[in-house]
Amino acid sequence: MSLLLVMELTHNKKIKSTGTKNLFENPLLEKLTRSHFSLPLCILAVISIYLAYLAMGKFDIKISIFSILFISGFFSWTLGEYFIHRFVFHMDDDKKWKRWITYTFHGIHHEYPKDKDRIVMPPAGAILISSIIFAAFWLIMQNYAFAFVPGFLIGYLVYAFIHYAIHAYQPPKNFLKWLWIYHSIHHYKHPDKYFGVSSPIWDYVFNTVPKKNK
């Protein structure tokens, strides 16, 4: 069965509390869609460290400038997280190619939110997208991208770790419990609201917070 047919047959089905499902018949392609959460995070951490090394070792970016750019990149991720989640993963599904993208990259996660192999981006996707991100920022910043992008990627790592913890573990009995509640509302009650995972800031800025009476 083709991926498109699988996507069409499962679109809008009820959320499964257990289990998983193949996206591809081809075993190699299917394997590329899965990963233990630690593998892509380790890869991106190494990339971040290497870019930071180049920033200060090869391009002689001063530590003060590096720190500003790194911190700016880190917090810029929260906005990137919001826009990607809202406008890519939850784009209008009025066309088949849009439904293909949303289901392949995120819809299957909504259908099987407890499938630990698909909570974070797999290594192939992480490397490809991080390369695109670096290229885009390099066009804007030139060599300063070697300081900004590591912060941006570390921001993603924090988000990915939080996202994995929310789906893989029970909520803690401390002040972090609200993160579990916040994201659970997105998954189980309002999929068109609460697009922030590691930070709620942009949901309030762009008014994607559920009304209290709903």
N, C-alpha and C. Protein backbone atom coordinates (compact mmCIF):
# COMPACT_ATOMS: atom_id res chain seq x y z
N MET A 1 0.85 -1.19 0.00
CA MET A 1 0.00 0.00 0.00
C MET A 1 0.88 1.24 0.00
N SER A 2 0.58 2.21 -0.85
CA SER A 2 1.41 3.41 -0.96
C SER A 2 1.25 4.29 0.26
N LEU A 3 2.24 5.16 0.48
CA LEU A 3 2.17 6.08 1.61
C LEU A 3 0.97 7.00 1.47
N LEU A 4 0.69 7.49 0.26
CA LEU A 4 -0.43 8.40 0.06
C LEU A 4 -1.74 7.73 0.42
N LEU A 5 -1.91 6.47 0.02
CA LEU A 5 -3.14 5.75 0.33
C LEU A 5 -3.25 5.52 1.82
N VAL A 6 -2.15 5.13 2.46
CA VAL A 6 -2.15 4.96 3.92
C VAL A 6 -2.58 6.25 4.60
N MET A 7 -2.02 7.37 4.12
CA MET A 7 -2.33 8.67 4.72
C MET A 7 -3.80 9.01 4.56
N GLU A 8 -4.35 8.76 3.36
CA GLU A 8 -5.75 9.10 3.11
C GLU A 8 -6.69 8.22 3.94
N LEU A 9 -6.34 6.95 4.08
CA LEU A 9 -7.20 6.03 4.83
C LEU A 9 -7.19 6.32 6.32
N THR A 10 -6.08 6.85 6.82
CA THR A 10 -5.95 7.06 8.26
C THR A 10 -6.18 8.51 8.68
N HIS A 11 -6.35 9.41 7.69
CA HIS A 11 -6.54 10.82 8.02
C HIS A 11 -7.77 11.00 8.92
N ASN A 12 -7.60 11.74 9.99
CA ASN A 12 -8.68 12.03 10.93
C ASN A 12 -9.15 10.82 11.75
N LYS A 13 -8.39 9.73 11.78
CA LYS A 13 -8.76 8.62 12.64
C LYS A 13 -8.49 8.98 14.10
N LYS A 14 -9.07 8.20 14.98
CA LYS A 14 -8.92 8.48 16.40
C LYS A 14 -7.49 8.26 16.86
N ILE A 15 -7.14 8.96 17.92
CA ILE A 15 -5.80 8.84 18.49
C ILE A 15 -5.63 7.47 19.12
N LYS A 16 -4.49 6.84 18.85
CA LYS A 16 -4.20 5.52 19.42
C LYS A 16 -3.29 5.70 20.64
N SER A 17 -3.66 5.10 21.73
CA SER A 17 -2.87 5.25 22.96
C SER A 17 -1.66 4.31 22.98
N THR A 18 -1.65 3.31 22.10
CA THR A 18 -0.51 2.39 22.00
C THR A 18 -0.30 2.05 20.53
N GLY A 19 0.82 1.38 20.27
CA GLY A 19 1.06 0.86 18.93
C GLY A 19 1.84 1.79 18.03
N THR A 20 1.95 1.36 16.77
CA THR A 20 2.68 2.11 15.77
C THR A 20 2.15 1.70 14.40
N LYS A 21 2.69 2.30 13.35
CA LYS A 21 2.26 1.97 12.00
C LYS A 21 3.38 2.32 11.03
N ASN A 22 3.55 1.50 10.00
CA ASN A 22 4.55 1.77 8.98
C ASN A 22 4.08 2.88 8.04
N LEU A 23 5.02 3.73 7.65
CA LEU A 23 4.76 4.74 6.64
C LEU A 23 5.10 4.23 5.25
N PHE A 24 6.11 3.37 5.16
CA PHE A 24 6.59 2.89 3.86
C PHE A 24 6.61 1.36 3.82
N GLU A 25 6.36 0.81 2.64
CA GLU A 25 6.52 -0.62 2.44
C GLU A 25 8.00 -1.00 2.39
N ASN A 26 8.80 -0.13 1.79
CA ASN A 26 10.24 -0.38 1.69
C ASN A 26 10.86 -0.36 3.09
N PRO A 27 11.52 -1.45 3.51
CA PRO A 27 12.05 -1.51 4.89
C PRO A 27 13.14 -0.47 5.16
N LEU A 28 13.93 -0.11 4.13
CA LEU A 28 14.98 0.88 4.34
C LEU A 28 14.36 2.26 4.56
N LEU A 29 13.40 2.63 3.73
CA LEU A 29 12.74 3.92 3.90
C LEU A 29 12.02 3.98 5.24
N GLU A 30 11.38 2.87 5.60
CA GLU A 30 10.68 2.83 6.87
C GLU A 30 11.64 3.01 8.04
N LYS A 31 12.81 2.38 7.94
CA LYS A 31 13.79 2.50 9.02
C LYS A 31 14.29 3.93 9.16
N LEU A 32 14.37 4.64 8.04
CA LEU A 32 14.84 6.03 8.07
C LEU A 32 13.85 6.96 8.76
N THR A 33 12.62 6.53 8.92
CA THR A 33 11.61 7.37 9.59
C THR A 33 11.59 7.16 11.11
N ARG A 34 12.43 6.24 11.59
CA ARG A 34 12.42 5.91 13.01
C ARG A 34 13.80 6.13 13.62
N SER A 35 13.81 6.41 14.91
CA SER A 35 15.10 6.57 15.59
C SER A 35 14.88 6.63 17.09
N HIS A 36 15.86 6.11 17.83
CA HIS A 36 15.90 6.38 19.27
C HIS A 36 16.17 7.87 19.43
N PHE A 37 15.50 8.50 20.36
CA PHE A 37 15.55 9.96 20.44
C PHE A 37 16.97 10.50 20.65
N SER A 38 17.85 9.71 21.27
CA SER A 38 19.19 10.21 21.60
C SER A 38 20.10 10.35 20.38
N LEU A 39 19.87 9.56 19.33
CA LEU A 39 20.78 9.56 18.18
C LEU A 39 20.79 10.88 17.43
N PRO A 40 19.64 11.39 16.96
CA PRO A 40 19.68 12.68 16.27
C PRO A 40 20.13 13.82 17.18
N LEU A 41 19.81 13.74 18.46
CA LEU A 41 20.24 14.79 19.37
C LEU A 41 21.76 14.81 19.53
N CYS A 42 22.37 13.63 19.58
CA CYS A 42 23.84 13.56 19.66
C CYS A 42 24.48 14.10 18.38
N ILE A 43 23.90 13.76 17.24
CA ILE A 43 24.42 14.24 15.96
C ILE A 43 24.37 15.77 15.90
N LEU A 44 23.25 16.34 16.28
CA LEU A 44 23.10 17.80 16.23
C LEU A 44 23.98 18.48 17.28
N ALA A 45 24.19 17.84 18.41
CA ALA A 45 25.09 18.40 19.42
C ALA A 45 26.51 18.47 18.89
N VAL A 46 26.95 17.41 18.21
CA VAL A 46 28.29 17.40 17.60
C VAL A 46 28.41 18.48 16.53
N ILE A 47 27.40 18.62 15.70
CA ILE A 47 27.40 19.66 14.67
C ILE A 47 27.50 21.04 15.32
N SER A 48 26.74 21.26 16.38
CA SER A 48 26.75 22.55 17.08
C SER A 48 28.13 22.86 17.65
N ILE A 49 28.74 21.86 18.27
CA ILE A 49 30.07 22.05 18.85
C ILE A 49 31.09 22.36 17.77
N TYR A 50 30.99 21.66 16.64
CA TYR A 50 31.94 21.89 15.55
C TYR A 50 31.78 23.29 14.96
N LEU A 51 30.53 23.73 14.76
CA LEU A 51 30.30 25.07 14.23
C LEU A 51 30.82 26.13 15.20
N ALA A 52 30.62 25.90 16.50
CA ALA A 52 31.12 26.85 17.51
C ALA A 52 32.65 26.90 17.49
N TYR A 53 33.26 25.74 17.31
CA TYR A 53 34.72 25.68 17.21
C TYR A 53 35.22 26.48 16.02
N LEU A 54 34.55 26.33 14.88
CA LEU A 54 34.94 27.08 13.70
C LEU A 54 34.73 28.59 13.90
N ALA A 55 33.65 28.94 14.59
CA ALA A 55 33.35 30.36 14.82
C ALA A 55 34.48 31.06 15.56
N MET A 56 34.98 30.43 16.61
CA MET A 56 36.01 31.06 17.43
C MET A 56 37.42 30.68 17.00
N GLY A 57 37.59 29.47 16.47
CA GLY A 57 38.93 29.02 16.10
C GLY A 57 39.37 29.44 14.72
N LYS A 58 38.46 29.38 13.75
CA LYS A 58 38.83 29.70 12.38
C LYS A 58 38.46 31.12 11.98
N PHE A 59 37.31 31.58 12.42
CA PHE A 59 36.82 32.89 11.98
C PHE A 59 37.04 33.97 13.03
N ASP A 60 37.67 33.62 14.14
CA ASP A 60 38.07 34.58 15.18
C ASP A 60 36.93 35.48 15.66
N ILE A 61 35.75 34.90 15.82
CA ILE A 61 34.64 35.67 16.37
C ILE A 61 34.86 35.80 17.87
N LYS A 62 34.87 37.02 18.35
CA LYS A 62 35.14 37.27 19.77
C LYS A 62 34.10 36.59 20.65
N ILE A 63 34.54 36.19 21.83
CA ILE A 63 33.67 35.45 22.73
C ILE A 63 32.43 36.27 23.09
N SER A 64 32.56 37.58 23.21
CA SER A 64 31.40 38.42 23.54
C SER A 64 30.38 38.40 22.40
N ILE A 65 30.87 38.53 21.16
CA ILE A 65 29.98 38.49 20.00
C ILE A 65 29.39 37.09 19.84
N PHE A 66 30.23 36.08 20.04
CA PHE A 66 29.75 34.70 19.94
C PHE A 66 28.62 34.45 20.94
N SER A 67 28.79 34.92 22.17
CA SER A 67 27.80 34.70 23.21
C SER A 67 26.46 35.34 22.85
N ILE A 68 26.53 36.57 22.33
CA ILE A 68 25.30 37.28 21.94
C ILE A 68 24.59 36.54 20.82
N LEU A 69 25.36 36.12 19.82
CA LEU A 69 24.76 35.42 18.68
C LEU A 69 24.22 34.05 19.09
N PHE A 70 24.97 33.35 19.93
CA PHE A 70 24.54 32.03 20.39
C PHE A 70 23.23 32.12 21.17
N ILE A 71 23.16 33.07 22.11
CA ILE A 71 21.95 33.23 22.92
C ILE A 71 20.78 33.67 22.03
N SER A 72 21.07 34.56 21.07
CA SER A 72 20.02 34.99 20.13
C SER A 72 19.50 33.81 19.33
N GLY A 73 20.41 32.95 18.88
CA GLY A 73 20.00 31.75 18.15
C GLY A 73 19.17 30.82 19.00
N PHE A 74 19.59 30.66 20.24
CA PHE A 74 18.87 29.77 21.16
C PHE A 74 17.42 30.20 21.33
N PHE A 75 17.21 31.49 21.60
CA PHE A 75 15.84 31.96 21.82
C PHE A 75 15.07 32.13 20.52
N SER A 76 15.79 32.31 19.41
CA SER A 76 15.11 32.37 18.11
C SER A 76 14.46 31.04 17.77
N TRP A 77 15.03 29.95 18.31
CA TRP A 77 14.43 28.64 18.03
C TRP A 77 12.98 28.59 18.48
N THR A 78 12.65 29.24 19.60
CA THR A 78 11.27 29.16 20.10
C THR A 78 10.28 29.69 19.06
N LEU A 79 10.68 30.74 18.34
CA LEU A 79 9.83 31.27 17.28
C LEU A 79 9.80 30.32 16.10
N GLY A 80 10.97 29.74 15.76
CA GLY A 80 11.03 28.75 14.69
C GLY A 80 10.17 27.54 15.01
N GLU A 81 10.25 27.10 16.26
CA GLU A 81 9.44 25.96 16.72
C GLU A 81 7.95 26.24 16.51
N TYR A 82 7.53 27.43 16.87
CA TYR A 82 6.11 27.79 16.75
C TYR A 82 5.67 27.81 15.28
N PHE A 83 6.44 28.48 14.43
CA PHE A 83 6.04 28.63 13.03
C PHE A 83 6.08 27.29 12.28
N ILE A 84 7.09 26.48 12.55
CA ILE A 84 7.16 25.17 11.90
C ILE A 84 5.98 24.30 12.32
N HIS A 85 5.72 24.29 13.61
CA HIS A 85 4.62 23.46 14.13
C HIS A 85 3.27 23.93 13.59
N ARG A 86 3.06 25.23 13.57
CA ARG A 86 1.76 25.76 13.15
C ARG A 86 1.58 25.75 11.64
N PHE A 87 2.56 26.25 10.90
CA PHE A 87 2.35 26.51 9.48
C PHE A 87 2.89 25.43 8.55
N VAL A 88 3.68 24.49 9.08
CA VAL A 88 4.15 23.36 8.26
C VAL A 88 3.45 22.08 8.72
N PHE A 89 3.60 21.74 9.99
CA PHE A 89 3.04 20.49 10.49
C PHE A 89 1.51 20.52 10.58
N HIS A 90 0.95 21.73 10.71
CA HIS A 90 -0.51 21.85 10.79
C HIS A 90 -1.04 22.78 9.70
N MET A 91 -0.42 22.76 8.54
CA MET A 91 -0.90 23.58 7.43
C MET A 91 -2.28 23.07 6.97
N ASP A 92 -3.01 23.93 6.27
CA ASP A 92 -4.30 23.53 5.72
C ASP A 92 -4.12 22.31 4.82
N ASP A 93 -4.96 21.30 5.02
CA ASP A 93 -4.80 20.05 4.27
C ASP A 93 -5.80 19.96 3.11
N ASP A 94 -5.92 21.06 2.37
CA ASP A 94 -6.88 21.12 1.27
C ASP A 94 -6.38 20.47 -0.02
N LYS A 95 -5.11 20.07 -0.05
CA LYS A 95 -4.55 19.41 -1.22
C LYS A 95 -3.84 18.13 -0.80
N LYS A 96 -3.75 17.18 -1.73
CA LYS A 96 -3.15 15.88 -1.40
C LYS A 96 -1.70 16.03 -0.97
N TRP A 97 -0.93 16.89 -1.66
CA TRP A 97 0.48 17.01 -1.32
C TRP A 97 0.65 17.62 0.07
N LYS A 98 -0.28 18.49 0.46
CA LYS A 98 -0.22 19.05 1.81
C LYS A 98 -0.55 17.99 2.85
N ARG A 99 -1.54 17.16 2.55
CA ARG A 99 -1.89 16.08 3.48
C ARG A 99 -0.74 15.09 3.60
N TRP A 100 -0.04 14.87 2.50
CA TRP A 100 1.12 13.97 2.52
C TRP A 100 2.19 14.51 3.46
N ILE A 101 2.49 15.80 3.33
CA ILE A 101 3.52 16.42 4.17
C ILE A 101 3.11 16.41 5.64
N THR A 102 1.89 16.87 5.91
CA THR A 102 1.48 16.98 7.31
C THR A 102 1.37 15.61 7.98
N TYR A 103 0.88 14.63 7.25
CA TYR A 103 0.75 13.31 7.87
C TYR A 103 2.11 12.64 8.05
N THR A 104 2.95 12.72 7.03
CA THR A 104 4.26 12.06 7.08
C THR A 104 5.14 12.63 8.18
N PHE A 105 5.16 13.95 8.30
CA PHE A 105 6.07 14.59 9.24
C PHE A 105 5.47 14.79 10.62
N HIS A 106 4.14 14.78 10.72
CA HIS A 106 3.57 15.09 12.03
C HIS A 106 2.25 14.40 12.33
N GLY A 107 1.45 14.17 11.30
CA GLY A 107 0.13 13.58 11.53
C GLY A 107 0.20 12.20 12.15
N ILE A 108 1.17 11.42 11.73
CA ILE A 108 1.31 10.07 12.31
C ILE A 108 1.69 10.16 13.79
N HIS A 109 2.40 11.21 14.16
CA HIS A 109 2.73 11.42 15.57
C HIS A 109 1.46 11.75 16.36
N HIS A 110 0.55 12.51 15.76
CA HIS A 110 -0.71 12.80 16.44
C HIS A 110 -1.58 11.55 16.55
N GLU A 111 -1.50 10.68 15.55
CA GLU A 111 -2.29 9.46 15.59
C GLU A 111 -1.73 8.45 16.59
N TYR A 112 -0.39 8.40 16.67
CA TYR A 112 0.29 7.49 17.61
C TYR A 112 1.25 8.30 18.49
N PRO A 113 0.73 9.12 19.40
CA PRO A 113 1.59 10.02 20.18
C PRO A 113 2.54 9.31 21.15
N LYS A 114 2.30 8.03 21.42
CA LYS A 114 3.16 7.29 22.35
C LYS A 114 4.22 6.47 21.62
N ASP A 115 4.27 6.56 20.30
CA ASP A 115 5.29 5.83 19.53
C ASP A 115 6.63 6.54 19.72
N LYS A 116 7.48 5.99 20.57
CA LYS A 116 8.73 6.65 20.95
C LYS A 116 9.72 6.80 19.80
N ASP A 117 9.59 5.98 18.77
CA ASP A 117 10.53 6.04 17.64
C ASP A 117 10.27 7.22 16.72
N ARG A 118 9.12 7.88 16.91
CA ARG A 118 8.79 8.98 16.00
C ARG A 118 8.48 10.28 16.75
N ILE A 119 9.00 10.43 17.93
CA ILE A 119 8.77 11.66 18.68
C ILE A 119 9.72 12.77 18.25
N VAL A 120 10.94 12.42 17.93
CA VAL A 120 11.90 13.41 17.44
C VAL A 120 12.25 13.09 15.99
N MET A 121 12.81 14.07 15.31
CA MET A 121 13.18 13.91 13.92
C MET A 121 14.29 12.87 13.79
N PRO A 122 14.18 11.93 12.84
CA PRO A 122 15.22 10.91 12.67
C PRO A 122 16.52 11.53 12.13
N PRO A 123 17.65 10.82 12.24
CA PRO A 123 18.95 11.39 11.87
C PRO A 123 19.02 11.96 10.46
N ALA A 124 18.49 11.24 9.46
CA ALA A 124 18.58 11.73 8.08
C ALA A 124 17.90 13.08 7.93
N GLY A 125 16.72 13.19 8.51
CA GLY A 125 15.99 14.46 8.45
C GLY A 125 16.68 15.55 9.24
N ALA A 126 17.24 15.19 10.39
CA ALA A 126 17.92 16.18 11.23
C ALA A 126 19.14 16.76 10.51
N ILE A 127 19.91 15.92 9.86
CA ILE A 127 21.09 16.39 9.14
C ILE A 127 20.69 17.26 7.95
N LEU A 128 19.69 16.81 7.19
CA LEU A 128 19.24 17.57 6.02
C LEU A 128 18.70 18.94 6.41
N ILE A 129 17.81 18.97 7.38
CA ILE A 129 17.19 20.24 7.77
C ILE A 129 18.18 21.17 8.45
N SER A 130 19.09 20.63 9.26
CA SER A 130 20.09 21.49 9.88
C SER A 130 21.01 22.09 8.83
N SER A 131 21.29 21.35 7.75
CA SER A 131 22.11 21.88 6.66
C SER A 131 21.39 23.02 5.95
N ILE A 132 20.09 22.85 5.72
CA ILE A 132 19.30 23.90 5.08
C ILE A 132 19.23 25.13 5.97
N ILE A 133 19.05 24.91 7.27
CA ILE A 133 18.99 26.03 8.21
C ILE A 133 20.31 26.79 8.21
N PHE A 134 21.43 26.05 8.25
CA PHE A 134 22.72 26.72 8.25
C PHE A 134 22.91 27.52 6.96
N ALA A 135 22.57 26.93 5.83
CA ALA A 135 22.73 27.63 4.55
C ALA A 135 21.91 28.91 4.51
N ALA A 136 20.69 28.84 5.03
CA ALA A 136 19.82 30.02 5.03
C ALA A 136 20.40 31.13 5.90
N PHE A 137 20.86 30.79 7.09
CA PHE A 137 21.43 31.80 7.97
C PHE A 137 22.78 32.30 7.47
N TRP A 138 23.53 31.43 6.80
CA TRP A 138 24.82 31.88 6.25
C TRP A 138 24.61 32.93 5.17
N LEU A 139 23.57 32.77 4.36
CA LEU A 139 23.27 33.76 3.33
C LEU A 139 22.95 35.12 3.94
N ILE A 140 22.37 35.09 5.13
CA ILE A 140 22.01 36.34 5.81
C ILE A 140 23.16 36.90 6.62
N MET A 141 23.87 36.03 7.35
CA MET A 141 24.86 36.46 8.33
C MET A 141 26.30 36.22 7.93
N GLN A 142 26.51 35.47 6.89
CA GLN A 142 27.85 35.03 6.50
C GLN A 142 28.50 34.27 7.67
N ASN A 143 29.73 34.59 8.01
CA ASN A 143 30.44 33.79 9.02
C ASN A 143 29.83 33.86 10.42
N TYR A 144 29.03 34.88 10.68
CA TYR A 144 28.38 34.96 11.99
C TYR A 144 27.38 33.81 12.19
N ALA A 145 26.99 33.18 11.10
CA ALA A 145 26.09 32.02 11.22
C ALA A 145 26.74 30.89 12.01
N PHE A 146 28.08 30.84 12.01
CA PHE A 146 28.78 29.80 12.75
C PHE A 146 28.60 29.97 14.27
N ALA A 147 28.18 31.16 14.70
CA ALA A 147 27.90 31.39 16.11
C ALA A 147 26.40 31.33 16.40
N PHE A 148 25.59 31.79 15.45
CA PHE A 148 24.14 31.84 15.65
C PHE A 148 23.50 30.46 15.54
N VAL A 149 23.88 29.69 14.53
CA VAL A 149 23.25 28.39 14.29
C VAL A 149 23.46 27.40 15.44
N PRO A 150 24.66 27.33 16.05
CA PRO A 150 24.79 26.42 17.20
C PRO A 150 23.76 26.70 18.29
N GLY A 151 23.49 27.97 18.57
CA GLY A 151 22.48 28.31 19.56
C GLY A 151 21.10 27.88 19.12
N PHE A 152 20.81 28.06 17.83
CA PHE A 152 19.53 27.66 17.27
C PHE A 152 19.33 26.16 17.39
N LEU A 153 20.39 25.40 17.08
CA LEU A 153 20.30 23.94 17.16
C LEU A 153 20.20 23.44 18.59
N ILE A 154 20.90 24.09 19.50
CA ILE A 154 20.78 23.72 20.91
C ILE A 154 19.37 24.01 21.41
N GLY A 155 18.78 25.10 20.91
CA GLY A 155 17.39 25.38 21.23
C GLY A 155 16.49 24.24 20.77
N TYR A 156 16.77 23.71 19.58
CA TYR A 156 16.00 22.56 19.10
C TYR A 156 16.23 21.34 20.00
N LEU A 157 17.46 21.13 20.44
CA LEU A 157 17.75 19.99 21.31
C LEU A 157 16.95 20.05 22.60
N VAL A 158 16.86 21.24 23.18
CA VAL A 158 16.07 21.40 24.41
C VAL A 158 14.61 21.09 24.13
N TYR A 159 14.10 21.64 23.02
CA TYR A 159 12.71 21.35 22.63
C TYR A 159 12.49 19.86 22.44
N ALA A 160 13.40 19.20 21.69
CA ALA A 160 13.24 17.77 21.39
C ALA A 160 13.27 16.93 22.66
N PHE A 161 14.15 17.29 23.59
CA PHE A 161 14.23 16.55 24.85
C PHE A 161 12.94 16.71 25.64
N ILE A 162 12.42 17.94 25.70
CA ILE A 162 11.17 18.19 26.41
C ILE A 162 10.03 17.43 25.75
N HIS A 163 9.98 17.49 24.41
CA HIS A 163 8.91 16.81 23.66
C HIS A 163 8.94 15.31 23.91
N TYR A 164 10.14 14.73 23.90
CA TYR A 164 10.26 13.30 24.16
C TYR A 164 9.81 12.96 25.57
N ALA A 165 10.26 13.75 26.53
CA ALA A 165 9.91 13.48 27.93
C ALA A 165 8.41 13.54 28.15
N ILE A 166 7.75 14.51 27.50
CA ILE A 166 6.30 14.66 27.66
C ILE A 166 5.57 13.42 27.18
N HIS A 167 6.01 12.84 26.05
CA HIS A 167 5.31 11.70 25.48
C HIS A 167 5.77 10.37 26.07
N ALA A 168 6.98 10.30 26.58
CA ALA A 168 7.52 9.02 27.04
C ALA A 168 7.35 8.78 28.54
N TYR A 169 7.15 9.85 29.30
CA TYR A 169 7.11 9.70 30.76
C TYR A 169 5.87 10.37 31.35
N GLN A 170 5.53 9.94 32.55
CA GLN A 170 4.44 10.55 33.28
C GLN A 170 4.86 11.96 33.74
N PRO A 171 3.92 12.87 33.87
CA PRO A 171 4.29 14.23 34.30
C PRO A 171 4.89 14.23 35.69
N PRO A 172 5.89 15.06 35.92
CA PRO A 172 6.53 15.11 37.24
C PRO A 172 5.64 15.81 38.25
N LYS A 173 5.91 15.58 39.51
CA LYS A 173 5.13 16.23 40.57
C LYS A 173 5.85 17.48 41.04
N ASN A 174 6.10 18.37 40.08
CA ASN A 174 6.75 19.64 40.39
C ASN A 174 6.27 20.71 39.42
N PHE A 175 6.95 21.85 39.38
CA PHE A 175 6.48 22.99 38.59
C PHE A 175 6.51 22.73 37.08
N LEU A 176 7.22 21.67 36.63
CA LEU A 176 7.29 21.36 35.20
C LEU A 176 6.05 20.63 34.69
N LYS A 177 5.17 20.26 35.59
CA LYS A 177 3.98 19.50 35.19
C LYS A 177 3.15 20.25 34.15
N TRP A 178 3.18 21.58 34.18
CA TRP A 178 2.36 22.36 33.25
C TRP A 178 2.74 22.10 31.80
N LEU A 179 4.02 21.74 31.54
CA LEU A 179 4.44 21.43 30.17
C LEU A 179 3.67 20.22 29.63
N TRP A 180 3.49 19.21 30.46
CA TRP A 180 2.74 18.01 30.07
C TRP A 180 1.27 18.38 29.79
N ILE A 181 0.70 19.17 30.67
CA ILE A 181 -0.70 19.57 30.51
C ILE A 181 -0.87 20.41 29.24
N TYR A 182 0.01 21.36 29.05
CA TYR A 182 -0.03 22.28 27.91
C TYR A 182 -0.02 21.51 26.59
N HIS A 183 0.92 20.59 26.45
CA HIS A 183 1.05 19.86 25.19
C HIS A 183 -0.05 18.81 25.04
N SER A 184 -0.53 18.25 26.13
CA SER A 184 -1.63 17.29 26.06
C SER A 184 -2.90 17.95 25.54
N ILE A 185 -3.13 19.19 25.89
CA ILE A 185 -4.29 19.92 25.37
C ILE A 185 -4.21 20.03 23.85
N HIS A 186 -2.99 20.29 23.35
CA HIS A 186 -2.79 20.36 21.89
C HIS A 186 -3.12 19.02 21.24
N HIS A 187 -2.68 17.93 21.84
CA HIS A 187 -2.85 16.61 21.23
C HIS A 187 -4.27 16.07 21.36
N TYR A 188 -4.89 16.27 22.50
CA TYR A 188 -6.12 15.56 22.80
C TYR A 188 -7.39 16.43 22.80
N LYS A 189 -7.22 17.74 22.73
CA LYS A 189 -8.41 18.59 22.78
C LYS A 189 -8.42 19.68 21.73
N HIS A 190 -7.30 20.40 21.59
CA HIS A 190 -7.25 21.53 20.66
C HIS A 190 -6.01 21.43 19.76
N PRO A 191 -6.04 20.60 18.70
CA PRO A 191 -4.87 20.49 17.82
C PRO A 191 -4.57 21.76 17.03
N ASP A 192 -5.51 22.70 17.02
CA ASP A 192 -5.30 23.97 16.34
C ASP A 192 -4.84 25.07 17.30
N LYS A 193 -4.48 24.69 18.52
CA LYS A 193 -4.02 25.64 19.52
C LYS A 193 -2.75 25.10 20.19
N TYR A 194 -2.11 25.94 21.00
CA TYR A 194 -0.94 25.55 21.79
C TYR A 194 0.14 24.89 20.92
N PHE A 195 0.69 25.66 19.98
CA PHE A 195 1.72 25.13 19.10
C PHE A 195 3.10 25.16 19.74
N GLY A 196 3.28 25.94 20.77
CA GLY A 196 4.55 25.94 21.48
C GLY A 196 4.67 24.67 22.31
N VAL A 197 5.88 24.14 22.38
CA VAL A 197 6.13 22.94 23.19
C VAL A 197 7.09 23.28 24.32
N SER A 198 8.20 23.89 23.97
CA SER A 198 9.18 24.26 25.00
C SER A 198 8.90 25.63 25.59
N SER A 199 8.06 26.43 24.91
CA SER A 199 7.74 27.77 25.39
C SER A 199 6.33 28.16 24.95
N PRO A 200 5.53 28.75 25.84
CA PRO A 200 4.18 29.19 25.48
C PRO A 200 4.11 30.61 24.94
N ILE A 201 5.25 31.30 24.90
CA ILE A 201 5.25 32.74 24.61
C ILE A 201 4.52 33.08 23.33
N TRP A 202 4.87 32.38 22.25
CA TRP A 202 4.33 32.77 20.94
C TRP A 202 2.87 32.41 20.78
N ASP A 203 2.37 31.44 21.53
CA ASP A 203 0.93 31.17 21.51
C ASP A 203 0.15 32.37 22.02
N TYR A 204 0.69 33.04 23.01
CA TYR A 204 0.02 34.22 23.54
C TYR A 204 0.21 35.43 22.62
N VAL A 205 1.38 35.53 22.01
CA VAL A 205 1.64 36.64 21.08
C VAL A 205 0.72 36.55 19.87
N PHE A 206 0.56 35.34 19.31
CA PHE A 206 -0.22 35.15 18.09
C PHE A 206 -1.63 34.63 18.35
N ASN A 207 -2.05 34.64 19.62
CA ASN A 207 -3.41 34.30 20.01
C ASN A 207 -3.84 32.91 19.55
N THR A 208 -3.02 31.92 19.84
CA THR A 208 -3.41 30.54 19.57
C THR A 208 -3.57 29.79 20.89
N VAL A 209 -4.24 30.46 21.81
CA VAL A 209 -4.55 29.89 23.12
C VAL A 209 -6.04 29.61 23.16
N PRO A 210 -6.47 28.42 23.60
CA PRO A 210 -7.91 28.11 23.63
C PRO A 210 -8.67 29.07 24.53
N LYS A 211 -9.91 29.33 24.14
CA LYS A 211 -10.78 30.15 24.99
C LYS A 211 -11.10 29.38 26.26
N LYS A 212 -11.24 30.06 27.34
CA LYS A 212 -11.44 29.43 28.64
C LYS A 212 -12.74 28.64 28.72
N ASN A 213 -13.72 29.02 27.93
CA ASN A 213 -15.01 28.35 28.01
C ASN A 213 -15.12 27.15 27.07
N LYS A 214 -13.96 26.79 26.43
CA LYS A 214 -14.00 25.66 25.50
C LYS A 214 -13.22 24.49 26.07
